[in-house]
């Protein structure tokens, strides 16, 4: 759970690097929260109001952790835009997000795995 809160604490921090575990745990908790909010929203009859509010609230932290994850692989944050290419773009972005980060420091900062180890 601390991965989710750590990403929220870095709400708009687009610099630095994020480990795979940080990115994927945030994605997992965010997906669970989105499902819970959608069910709650549907149960009280306001769908998609609460869902939209939550999705907007986590948009910037989600983008920021995605950019930091790409930085860990040595790529620019602009690579997030590859997802706009139909079919292939989303698959390629998934591959980039699942790729292990560079073990040495790169232009975006030190290896976060070495810092936490």
N, C-alpha and C. Protein backbone atom coordinates (compact mmCIF):
# COMPACT_ATOMS: atom_id res chain seq x y z
N UNK A 1 0.82 -1.20 0.00
CA UNK A 1 0.00 0.00 0.00
C UNK A 1 0.86 1.26 0.00
N UNK A 2 2.06 1.17 0.58
CA UNK A 2 2.90 2.36 0.63
C UNK A 2 3.34 2.80 -0.76
N UNK A 3 3.36 1.88 -1.74
CA UNK A 3 3.69 2.29 -3.10
C UNK A 3 2.65 3.25 -3.65
N UNK A 4 1.40 2.99 -3.33
CA UNK A 4 0.31 3.86 -3.78
C UNK A 4 0.43 5.23 -3.14
N UNK A 5 0.63 5.27 -1.83
CA UNK A 5 0.73 6.56 -1.13
C UNK A 5 2.00 7.31 -1.49
N UNK A 6 3.10 6.56 -1.74
CA UNK A 6 4.34 7.24 -2.14
C UNK A 6 4.17 7.95 -3.47
N UNK A 7 3.47 7.31 -4.40
CA UNK A 7 3.23 7.94 -5.70
C UNK A 7 2.34 9.17 -5.52
N UNK A 8 1.33 9.08 -4.66
CA UNK A 8 0.46 10.24 -4.43
C UNK A 8 1.21 11.38 -3.76
N UNK A 9 2.20 11.06 -2.91
CA UNK A 9 3.00 12.11 -2.28
C UNK A 9 3.85 12.85 -3.32
N UNK A 10 4.24 12.13 -4.37
CA UNK A 10 5.01 12.74 -5.47
C UNK A 10 4.04 13.14 -6.58
N UNK A 11 2.97 13.81 -6.23
CA UNK A 11 1.82 14.08 -7.10
C UNK A 11 2.22 14.51 -8.51
N UNK A 12 3.10 15.48 -8.62
CA UNK A 12 3.49 15.97 -9.94
C UNK A 12 5.00 15.96 -10.13
N UNK A 13 5.68 15.00 -9.56
CA UNK A 13 7.13 14.88 -9.72
C UNK A 13 7.40 14.04 -10.96
N UNK A 14 7.81 14.71 -12.02
CA UNK A 14 8.07 14.03 -13.28
C UNK A 14 9.56 13.76 -13.48
N UNK A 15 10.38 14.16 -12.52
CA UNK A 15 11.82 13.93 -12.64
C UNK A 15 12.21 12.74 -11.77
N UNK A 16 13.34 12.14 -12.09
CA UNK A 16 13.81 10.99 -11.34
C UNK A 16 13.39 9.69 -11.98
N UNK A 17 13.53 8.62 -11.21
CA UNK A 17 13.27 7.28 -11.72
C UNK A 17 12.35 6.52 -10.78
N UNK A 18 11.56 5.60 -11.33
CA UNK A 18 10.67 4.76 -10.53
C UNK A 18 10.92 3.29 -10.88
N UNK A 19 11.03 2.46 -9.86
CA UNK A 19 11.23 1.03 -10.06
C UNK A 19 10.00 0.40 -10.68
N UNK A 20 10.18 -0.77 -11.26
CA UNK A 20 9.04 -1.52 -11.81
C UNK A 20 8.01 -1.79 -10.73
N UNK A 21 8.50 -2.20 -9.56
CA UNK A 21 7.58 -2.54 -8.48
C UNK A 21 6.72 -1.34 -8.08
N UNK A 22 7.32 -0.16 -7.99
CA UNK A 22 6.57 1.05 -7.64
C UNK A 22 5.48 1.31 -8.68
N UNK A 23 5.82 1.23 -9.95
CA UNK A 23 4.86 1.49 -11.02
C UNK A 23 3.72 0.47 -11.01
N UNK A 24 4.07 -0.81 -10.98
CA UNK A 24 3.05 -1.85 -11.10
C UNK A 24 2.18 -1.96 -9.85
N UNK A 25 2.75 -1.72 -8.67
CA UNK A 25 1.93 -1.74 -7.45
C UNK A 25 0.97 -0.56 -7.45
N UNK A 26 1.43 0.61 -7.89
CA UNK A 26 0.51 1.75 -8.00
C UNK A 26 -0.60 1.43 -9.00
N UNK A 27 -0.23 0.84 -10.12
CA UNK A 27 -1.23 0.49 -11.14
C UNK A 27 -2.25 -0.50 -10.59
N UNK A 28 -1.78 -1.50 -9.84
CA UNK A 28 -2.68 -2.49 -9.26
C UNK A 28 -3.64 -1.86 -8.25
N UNK A 29 -3.09 -1.09 -7.30
CA UNK A 29 -3.95 -0.44 -6.30
C UNK A 29 -4.91 0.56 -6.94
N UNK A 30 -4.44 1.24 -7.97
CA UNK A 30 -5.29 2.20 -8.67
C UNK A 30 -6.44 1.48 -9.38
N UNK A 31 -6.16 0.35 -10.00
CA UNK A 31 -7.20 -0.43 -10.67
C UNK A 31 -8.24 -0.93 -9.65
N UNK A 32 -7.77 -1.43 -8.52
CA UNK A 32 -8.68 -1.89 -7.47
C UNK A 32 -9.55 -0.74 -6.97
N UNK A 33 -8.92 0.42 -6.75
CA UNK A 33 -9.68 1.60 -6.29
C UNK A 33 -10.70 2.03 -7.34
N UNK A 34 -10.33 1.99 -8.62
CA UNK A 34 -11.27 2.36 -9.68
C UNK A 34 -12.47 1.42 -9.71
N UNK A 35 -12.24 0.14 -9.51
CA UNK A 35 -13.34 -0.82 -9.49
C UNK A 35 -14.25 -0.56 -8.30
N UNK A 36 -13.66 -0.33 -7.13
CA UNK A 36 -14.46 -0.05 -5.93
C UNK A 36 -15.28 1.22 -6.11
N UNK A 37 -14.67 2.27 -6.64
CA UNK A 37 -15.38 3.53 -6.85
C UNK A 37 -16.50 3.35 -7.88
N UNK A 38 -16.25 2.57 -8.93
CA UNK A 38 -17.29 2.34 -9.94
C UNK A 38 -18.46 1.58 -9.35
N UNK A 39 -18.19 0.56 -8.53
CA UNK A 39 -19.26 -0.21 -7.89
C UNK A 39 -20.03 0.68 -6.93
N UNK A 40 -19.32 1.46 -6.12
CA UNK A 40 -19.97 2.38 -5.19
C UNK A 40 -20.81 3.42 -5.93
N UNK A 41 -20.22 3.95 -6.98
CA UNK A 41 -20.91 4.95 -7.81
C UNK A 41 -22.20 4.38 -8.40
N UNK A 42 -22.12 3.16 -8.88
CA UNK A 42 -23.28 2.50 -9.46
C UNK A 42 -24.33 2.19 -8.39
N UNK A 43 -23.87 1.80 -7.20
CA UNK A 43 -24.79 1.44 -6.11
C UNK A 43 -25.59 2.64 -5.62
N UNK A 44 -24.96 3.82 -5.60
CA UNK A 44 -25.70 5.01 -5.13
C UNK A 44 -26.35 5.77 -6.27
N UNK A 45 -26.15 5.28 -7.49
CA UNK A 45 -26.85 5.85 -8.64
C UNK A 45 -26.27 7.12 -9.21
N UNK A 46 -25.01 7.39 -8.96
CA UNK A 46 -24.39 8.61 -9.50
C UNK A 46 -23.39 8.32 -10.61
N UNK A 47 -23.37 7.08 -11.11
CA UNK A 47 -22.38 6.70 -12.11
C UNK A 47 -22.43 7.63 -13.29
N UNK A 48 -21.39 8.18 -13.77
CA UNK A 48 -19.97 8.03 -13.49
C UNK A 48 -19.37 9.20 -12.72
N UNK A 49 -20.11 9.87 -11.86
CA UNK A 49 -19.63 11.07 -11.18
C UNK A 49 -18.41 10.79 -10.29
N UNK A 50 -18.54 9.91 -9.30
CA UNK A 50 -17.42 9.64 -8.40
C UNK A 50 -16.25 9.01 -9.15
N UNK A 51 -16.56 8.16 -10.10
CA UNK A 51 -15.53 7.53 -10.92
C UNK A 51 -14.71 8.58 -11.66
N UNK A 52 -15.39 9.54 -12.26
CA UNK A 52 -14.70 10.60 -13.00
C UNK A 52 -13.86 11.47 -12.08
N UNK A 53 -14.38 11.78 -10.90
CA UNK A 53 -13.64 12.60 -9.94
C UNK A 53 -12.37 11.88 -9.51
N UNK A 54 -12.50 10.59 -9.18
CA UNK A 54 -11.32 9.81 -8.77
C UNK A 54 -10.32 9.70 -9.92
N UNK A 55 -10.80 9.40 -11.11
CA UNK A 55 -9.91 9.26 -12.27
C UNK A 55 -9.15 10.56 -12.54
N UNK A 56 -9.81 11.68 -12.42
CA UNK A 56 -9.13 12.98 -12.60
C UNK A 56 -8.13 13.24 -11.48
N UNK A 57 -8.46 12.82 -10.27
CA UNK A 57 -7.57 13.05 -9.12
C UNK A 57 -6.27 12.26 -9.26
N UNK A 58 -6.30 11.08 -9.86
CA UNK A 58 -5.08 10.27 -9.98
C UNK A 58 -4.45 10.36 -11.37
N UNK A 59 -4.97 11.21 -12.23
CA UNK A 59 -4.41 11.35 -13.57
C UNK A 59 -2.95 11.83 -13.54
N UNK A 60 -2.69 12.93 -12.84
CA UNK A 60 -1.32 13.46 -12.79
C UNK A 60 -0.34 12.52 -12.08
N UNK A 61 -0.70 11.95 -10.93
CA UNK A 61 0.25 11.01 -10.32
C UNK A 61 0.50 9.79 -11.21
N UNK A 62 -0.50 9.34 -11.93
CA UNK A 62 -0.32 8.21 -12.84
C UNK A 62 0.61 8.55 -13.98
N UNK A 63 0.45 9.73 -14.54
CA UNK A 63 1.35 10.17 -15.60
C UNK A 63 2.77 10.35 -15.07
N UNK A 64 2.88 10.93 -13.87
CA UNK A 64 4.20 11.17 -13.28
C UNK A 64 4.95 9.86 -13.02
N UNK A 65 4.28 8.87 -12.44
CA UNK A 65 4.96 7.60 -12.18
C UNK A 65 5.28 6.89 -13.49
N UNK A 66 4.46 7.05 -14.50
CA UNK A 66 4.76 6.48 -15.82
C UNK A 66 6.00 7.11 -16.43
N UNK A 67 6.11 8.41 -16.33
CA UNK A 67 7.29 9.12 -16.84
C UNK A 67 8.53 8.68 -16.08
N UNK A 68 8.43 8.61 -14.74
CA UNK A 68 9.58 8.18 -13.94
C UNK A 68 9.96 6.73 -14.26
N UNK A 69 8.97 5.89 -14.56
CA UNK A 69 9.25 4.50 -14.93
C UNK A 69 10.01 4.44 -16.25
N UNK A 70 9.60 5.26 -17.22
CA UNK A 70 10.32 5.32 -18.49
C UNK A 70 11.74 5.86 -18.29
N UNK A 71 11.89 6.82 -17.39
CA UNK A 71 13.23 7.34 -17.09
C UNK A 71 14.12 6.22 -16.57
N UNK A 72 13.57 5.29 -15.80
CA UNK A 72 14.36 4.20 -15.25
C UNK A 72 14.90 3.30 -16.36
N UNK A 73 14.18 3.22 -17.46
CA UNK A 73 14.65 2.40 -18.59
C UNK A 73 15.53 3.20 -19.54
N UNK A 74 15.76 4.47 -19.22
CA UNK A 74 16.61 5.31 -20.06
C UNK A 74 15.87 6.03 -21.16
N UNK A 75 14.55 5.99 -21.13
CA UNK A 75 13.73 6.63 -22.17
C UNK A 75 13.16 7.94 -21.65
N UNK A 76 12.86 8.82 -22.57
CA UNK A 76 12.21 10.09 -22.24
C UNK A 76 10.75 9.83 -21.87
N UNK A 77 10.20 10.71 -21.05
CA UNK A 77 8.79 10.60 -20.68
C UNK A 77 7.85 10.76 -21.85
N UNK A 78 8.33 11.35 -22.93
CA UNK A 78 7.51 11.54 -24.12
C UNK A 78 7.13 10.20 -24.76
N UNK A 79 7.83 9.12 -24.39
CA UNK A 79 7.50 7.80 -24.91
C UNK A 79 6.11 7.36 -24.47
N UNK A 80 5.52 8.01 -23.47
CA UNK A 80 4.15 7.69 -23.09
C UNK A 80 3.19 7.89 -24.26
N UNK A 81 3.53 8.82 -25.13
CA UNK A 81 2.67 9.12 -26.28
C UNK A 81 2.62 7.99 -27.30
N UNK A 82 3.53 7.01 -27.19
CA UNK A 82 3.50 5.87 -28.11
C UNK A 82 2.19 5.11 -27.96
N UNK A 83 1.56 5.23 -26.80
CA UNK A 83 0.28 4.54 -26.56
C UNK A 83 -0.83 5.06 -27.48
N UNK A 84 -0.63 6.22 -28.08
CA UNK A 84 -1.63 6.78 -28.99
C UNK A 84 -1.64 6.07 -30.35
N UNK A 85 -0.58 5.32 -30.64
CA UNK A 85 -0.54 4.54 -31.88
C UNK A 85 -1.45 3.33 -31.68
N UNK A 86 -2.45 3.15 -32.52
CA UNK A 86 -3.38 2.04 -32.32
C UNK A 86 -2.70 0.67 -32.23
N UNK A 87 -3.14 -0.12 -31.29
CA UNK A 87 -2.72 -1.49 -31.01
C UNK A 87 -1.23 -1.64 -30.69
N UNK A 88 -0.37 -1.39 -31.65
CA UNK A 88 1.07 -1.59 -31.45
C UNK A 88 1.62 -0.65 -30.37
N UNK A 89 1.13 0.58 -30.31
CA UNK A 89 1.63 1.54 -29.33
C UNK A 89 1.40 1.09 -27.90
N UNK A 90 0.22 0.59 -27.61
CA UNK A 90 -0.08 0.12 -26.26
C UNK A 90 0.74 -1.09 -25.87
N UNK A 91 0.95 -1.98 -26.83
CA UNK A 91 1.77 -3.17 -26.57
C UNK A 91 3.21 -2.76 -26.32
N UNK A 92 3.72 -1.83 -27.12
CA UNK A 92 5.10 -1.39 -26.95
C UNK A 92 5.28 -0.67 -25.62
N UNK A 93 4.32 0.14 -25.22
CA UNK A 93 4.41 0.81 -23.93
C UNK A 93 4.39 -0.21 -22.79
N UNK A 94 3.57 -1.23 -22.90
CA UNK A 94 3.54 -2.30 -21.90
C UNK A 94 4.91 -2.98 -21.79
N UNK A 95 5.54 -3.23 -22.92
CA UNK A 95 6.88 -3.83 -22.92
C UNK A 95 7.88 -2.89 -22.23
N UNK A 96 7.81 -1.61 -22.54
CA UNK A 96 8.72 -0.64 -21.91
C UNK A 96 8.52 -0.59 -20.40
N UNK A 97 7.27 -0.62 -19.96
CA UNK A 97 6.99 -0.54 -18.53
C UNK A 97 7.43 -1.81 -17.79
N UNK A 98 7.47 -2.94 -18.51
CA UNK A 98 7.86 -4.21 -17.89
C UNK A 98 9.37 -4.47 -17.98
N UNK A 99 10.06 -3.66 -18.76
CA UNK A 99 11.50 -3.83 -18.94
C UNK A 99 12.24 -3.42 -17.67
N UNK A 100 13.27 -4.18 -17.34
CA UNK A 100 14.08 -3.84 -16.16
C UNK A 100 14.81 -2.52 -16.39
N UNK A 101 14.92 -1.73 -15.33
CA UNK A 101 15.60 -0.45 -15.43
C UNK A 101 17.10 -0.61 -15.59
N UNK A 102 17.74 0.47 -15.99
CA UNK A 102 19.19 0.45 -16.15
C UNK A 102 19.84 0.35 -14.78
N UNK A 103 20.79 -0.57 -14.61
CA UNK A 103 21.41 -0.75 -13.29
C UNK A 103 22.33 0.39 -12.89
N UNK A 104 22.87 1.09 -13.86
CA UNK A 104 23.77 2.20 -13.57
C UNK A 104 22.99 3.51 -13.55
N UNK A 105 23.56 4.55 -12.93
CA UNK A 105 22.90 5.86 -13.00
C UNK A 105 22.79 6.29 -14.46
N UNK A 106 21.69 6.97 -14.79
CA UNK A 106 21.54 7.50 -16.14
C UNK A 106 21.26 9.00 -16.04
N UNK A 107 20.92 9.61 -17.15
CA UNK A 107 20.72 11.06 -17.17
C UNK A 107 19.56 11.53 -16.29
N UNK A 108 18.71 10.58 -15.84
CA UNK A 108 17.55 10.93 -15.04
C UNK A 108 17.77 10.73 -13.55
N UNK A 109 18.92 10.17 -13.17
CA UNK A 109 19.23 10.02 -11.76
C UNK A 109 19.84 8.66 -11.44
N UNK A 110 20.08 8.43 -10.16
CA UNK A 110 20.68 7.15 -9.74
C UNK A 110 19.65 6.02 -9.84
N UNK A 111 20.15 4.80 -9.83
CA UNK A 111 19.30 3.62 -9.86
C UNK A 111 18.47 3.57 -8.58
N UNK A 112 17.12 3.61 -8.67
CA UNK A 112 16.31 3.60 -7.46
C UNK A 112 16.40 2.26 -6.71
N UNK A 113 16.73 1.19 -7.40
CA UNK A 113 16.89 -0.10 -6.75
C UNK A 113 18.11 -0.08 -5.84
N UNK A 114 19.19 0.57 -6.28
CA UNK A 114 20.40 0.67 -5.47
C UNK A 114 20.20 1.62 -4.29
N UNK A 115 19.38 2.65 -4.47
CA UNK A 115 19.13 3.63 -3.41
C UNK A 115 18.34 2.97 -2.29
N UNK A 116 17.35 2.11 -2.63
CA UNK A 116 16.49 1.48 -1.63
C UNK A 116 17.10 0.22 -1.04
N UNK A 117 18.10 -0.33 -1.71
CA UNK A 117 18.67 -1.60 -1.25
C UNK A 117 19.54 -1.44 -0.03
